[in-house]
C-alpha atoms as a PDB file:
ATOM      1  CA  MET A   1     -12.844-154.028 114.977  1.00  0.00           C
ATOM      2  CA  THR A   2     -13.874-152.363 118.258  1.00  0.00           C
ATOM      3  CA  GLY A   3     -16.010-152.820 120.477  1.00  0.00           C
ATOM      4  CA  ALA A   4     -17.533-148.774 118.897  1.00  0.00           C
ATOM      5  CA  HIS A   5     -18.695-150.677 115.841  1.00  0.00           C
ATOM      6  CA  TRP A   6     -20.103-154.110 117.274  1.00  0.00           C
ATOM      7  CA  ALA A   7     -22.431-151.209 119.466  1.00  0.00           C
ATOM      8  CA  VAL A   8     -23.479-148.919 116.390  1.00  0.00           C
ATOM      9  CA  ILE A   9     -23.699-152.778 114.424  1.00  0.00           C
ATOM     10  CA  GLY A  10     -26.152-153.988 117.562  1.00  0.00           C
ATOM     11  CA  LEU A  11     -28.113-151.046 117.532  1.00  0.00           C
ATOM     12  CA  LEU A  12     -28.938-150.025 113.781  1.00  0.00           C
ATOM     13  CA  ALA A  13     -30.253-154.329 113.940  1.00  0.00           C
ATOM     14  CA  LEU A  14     -32.251-153.483 116.944  1.00  0.00           C
ATOM     15  CA  ALA A  15     -33.174-150.139 114.621  1.00  0.00           C
ATOM     16  CA  ALA A  16     -33.951-151.847 112.497  1.00  0.00           C
ATOM     17  CA  PHE A  17     -36.107-155.065 114.210  1.00  0.00           C
ATOM     18  CA  VAL A  18     -38.175-151.728 116.101  1.00  0.00           C
ATOM     19  CA  ILE A  19     -39.039-150.394 112.670  1.00  0.00           C
ATOM     20  CA  ARG A  20     -40.098-153.797 111.008  1.00  0.00           C
ATOM     21  CA  VAL A  21     -42.631-155.112 114.948  1.00  0.00           C
ATOM     22  CA  ALA A  22     -44.095-151.338 114.296  1.00  0.00           C
ATOM     23  CA  GLY A  23     -45.223-151.575 110.820  1.00  0.00           C
ATOM     24  CA  LEU A  24     -47.044-155.442 112.000  1.00  0.00           C
ATOM     25  CA  ILE A  25     -48.016-153.574 114.736  1.00  0.00           C
ATOM     26  CA  ALA A  26     -49.514-150.950 112.436  1.00  0.00           C
ATOM     27  CA  GLY A  27     -51.235-153.049 109.747  1.00  0.00           C
ATOM     28  CA  GLY A  28     -52.627-155.069 112.299  1.00  0.00           C
ATOM     29  CA  ARG A  29     -54.391-152.178 113.921  1.00  0.00           C
ATOM     30  CA  ILE A  30     -55.400-150.746 110.778  1.00  0.00           C
ATOM     31  CA  ARG A  31     -56.872-153.918 109.024  1.00  0.00           C
ATOM     32  CA  ALA A  32     -59.131-153.668 111.944  1.00  0.00           C
ATOM     33  CA  SER A  33     -60.395-150.281 111.349  1.00  0.00           C
ATOM     34  CA  ARG A  34     -62.096-148.257 108.961  1.00  0.00           C
ATOM     35  CA  HIS A  35     -58.974-147.611 107.250  1.00  0.00           C
ATOM     36  CA  ALA A  36     -58.060-150.934 105.600  1.00  0.00           C
ATOM     37  CA  TRP A  37     -58.948-149.871 102.058  1.00  0.00           C
ATOM     38  CA  ILE A  38     -55.455-147.660 102.300  1.00  0.00           C
ATOM     39  CA  LEU A  39     -53.753-151.138 102.249  1.00  0.00           C
ATOM     40  CA  GLU A  40     -55.551-152.792  99.359  1.00  0.00           C
ATOM     41  CA  ALA A  41     -54.520-149.182  97.565  1.00  0.00           C
ATOM     42  CA  LEU A  42     -50.980-149.055  98.707  1.00  0.00           C
ATOM     43  CA  PRO A  43     -49.972-151.582  95.932  1.00  0.00           C
ATOM     44  CA  GLY A  44     -51.377-149.907  93.043  1.00  0.00           C
ATOM     45  CA  LEU A  45     -50.248-146.120  94.449  1.00  0.00           C
ATOM     46  CA  ILE A  46     -47.047-147.130  95.583  1.00  0.00           C
ATOM     47  CA  VAL A  47     -46.376-147.803  91.114  1.00  0.00           C
ATOM     48  CA  VAL A  48     -47.886-144.848  90.463  1.00  0.00           C
ATOM     49  CA  SER A  49     -45.792-142.667  92.602  1.00  0.00           C
ATOM     50  CA  LEU A  50     -43.028-144.360  90.901  1.00  0.00           C
ATOM     51  CA  VAL A  51     -44.232-143.670  87.939  1.00  0.00           C
ATOM     52  CA  ALA A  52     -44.569-140.035  88.695  1.00  0.00           C
ATOM     53  CA  SER A  53     -41.689-139.118  89.703  1.00  0.00           C
ATOM     54  CA  SER A  54     -39.633-141.181  86.739  1.00  0.00           C
ATOM     55  CA  LEU A  55     -40.951-139.082  84.414  1.00  0.00           C
ATOM     56  CA  ALA A  56     -40.769-135.945  85.972  1.00  0.00           C
ATOM     57  CA  GLY A  57     -38.306-133.755  83.367  1.00  0.00           C
ATOM     58  CA  GLU A  58     -38.224-136.864  80.817  1.00  0.00           C
ATOM     59  CA  PRO A  59     -38.311-135.794  77.208  1.00  0.00           C
ATOM     60  CA  THR A  60     -41.161-136.051  75.370  1.00  0.00           C
ATOM     61  CA  ALA A  61     -41.037-139.138  73.931  1.00  0.00           C
ATOM     62  CA  THR A  62     -41.254-140.638  77.147  1.00  0.00           C
ATOM     63  CA  TRP A  63     -44.199-139.261  78.357  1.00  0.00           C
ATOM     64  CA  ILE A  64     -46.302-140.007  74.849  1.00  0.00           C
ATOM     65  CA  ALA A  65     -45.062-143.502  75.246  1.00  0.00           C
ATOM     66  CA  ALA A  66     -46.560-143.551  78.702  1.00  0.00           C
ATOM     67  CA  ALA A  67     -49.526-141.966  77.582  1.00  0.00           C
ATOM     68  CA  LEU A  68     -49.996-145.115  75.167  1.00  0.00           C
ATOM     69  CA  ALA A  69     -48.806-147.813  77.747  1.00  0.00           C
ATOM     70  CA  LEU A  70     -51.314-146.219  80.011  1.00  0.00           C
ATOM     71  CA  GLY A  71     -53.715-146.797  76.966  1.00  0.00           C
ATOM     72  CA  VAL A  72     -52.703-149.830  76.732  1.00  0.00           C
ATOM     73  CA  ALA A  73     -53.013-150.884  80.018  1.00  0.00           C
ATOM     74  CA  VAL A  74     -56.640-149.308  80.313  1.00  0.00           C
ATOM     75  CA  LEU A  75     -57.932-151.097  77.354  1.00  0.00           C
ATOM     76  CA  THR A  76     -56.259-154.362  78.089  1.00  0.00           C
ATOM     77  CA  ASN A  77     -55.376-154.745  81.508  1.00  0.00           C
ATOM     78  CA  HIS A  78     -52.947-157.029  80.759  1.00  0.00           C
ATOM     79  CA  VAL A  79     -49.382-156.537  81.818  1.00  0.00           C
ATOM     80  CA  ILE A  80     -46.837-157.353  79.257  1.00  0.00           C
ATOM     81  CA  ALA A  81     -49.175-156.345  76.571  1.00  0.00           C
ATOM     82  CA  THR A  82     -48.621-152.719  78.372  1.00  0.00           C
ATOM     83  CA  MET A  83     -45.011-153.661  78.445  1.00  0.00           C
ATOM     84  CA  VAL A  84     -43.785-154.616  74.745  1.00  0.00           C
ATOM     85  CA  LEU A  85     -46.306-151.600  73.718  1.00  0.00           C
ATOM     86  CA  GLY A  86     -44.981-149.138  75.598  1.00  0.00           C
ATOM     87  CA  VAL A  87     -41.620-149.881  74.405  1.00  0.00           C
ATOM     88  CA  ALA A  88     -42.128-150.284  71.136  1.00  0.00           C
ATOM     89  CA  ALA A  89     -43.422-146.426  71.090  1.00  0.00           C
ATOM     90  CA  PHE A  90     -40.342-145.752  72.987  1.00  0.00           C
ATOM     91  CA  ALA A  91     -38.688-146.713  70.969  1.00  0.00           C
ATOM     92  CA  THR A  92     -40.177-145.474  67.549  1.00  0.00           C
ATOM     93  CA  LEU A  93     -40.637-142.636  68.410  1.00  0.00           C
ATOM     94  CA  GLN A  94     -37.186-142.525  69.289  1.00  0.00           C
ATOM     95  CA  GLY A  95     -36.093-143.103  65.523  1.00  0.00           C
ATOM     96  CA  LEU A  96     -38.014-140.470  65.136  1.00  0.00           C
ATOM     97  CA  GLY A  97     -36.456-138.374  66.953  1.00  0.00           C
ATOM     98  CA  LEU A  98     -38.873-136.910  68.943  1.00  0.00           C
END
């Protein structure tokens, strides 16, 4: 490898390090502020955004199975039951041709 390759690798490593340190500093400041609730809600918000973006453009059967899984999650608060019933609903709906 040439010196230019090593320079790019070094620059990218430095950028990755700076991004991580900046995240640690920002996280510490947020925890000490009145906006600390954001960090507590963040994991759930990330999951919801991933699910919502994956449902965009999906057929009706997927939406129905997702709604059923949401209902199971609200009623039981049990991750395994939610996954099993959501997948079973999707497989059933696919088998019915929806």
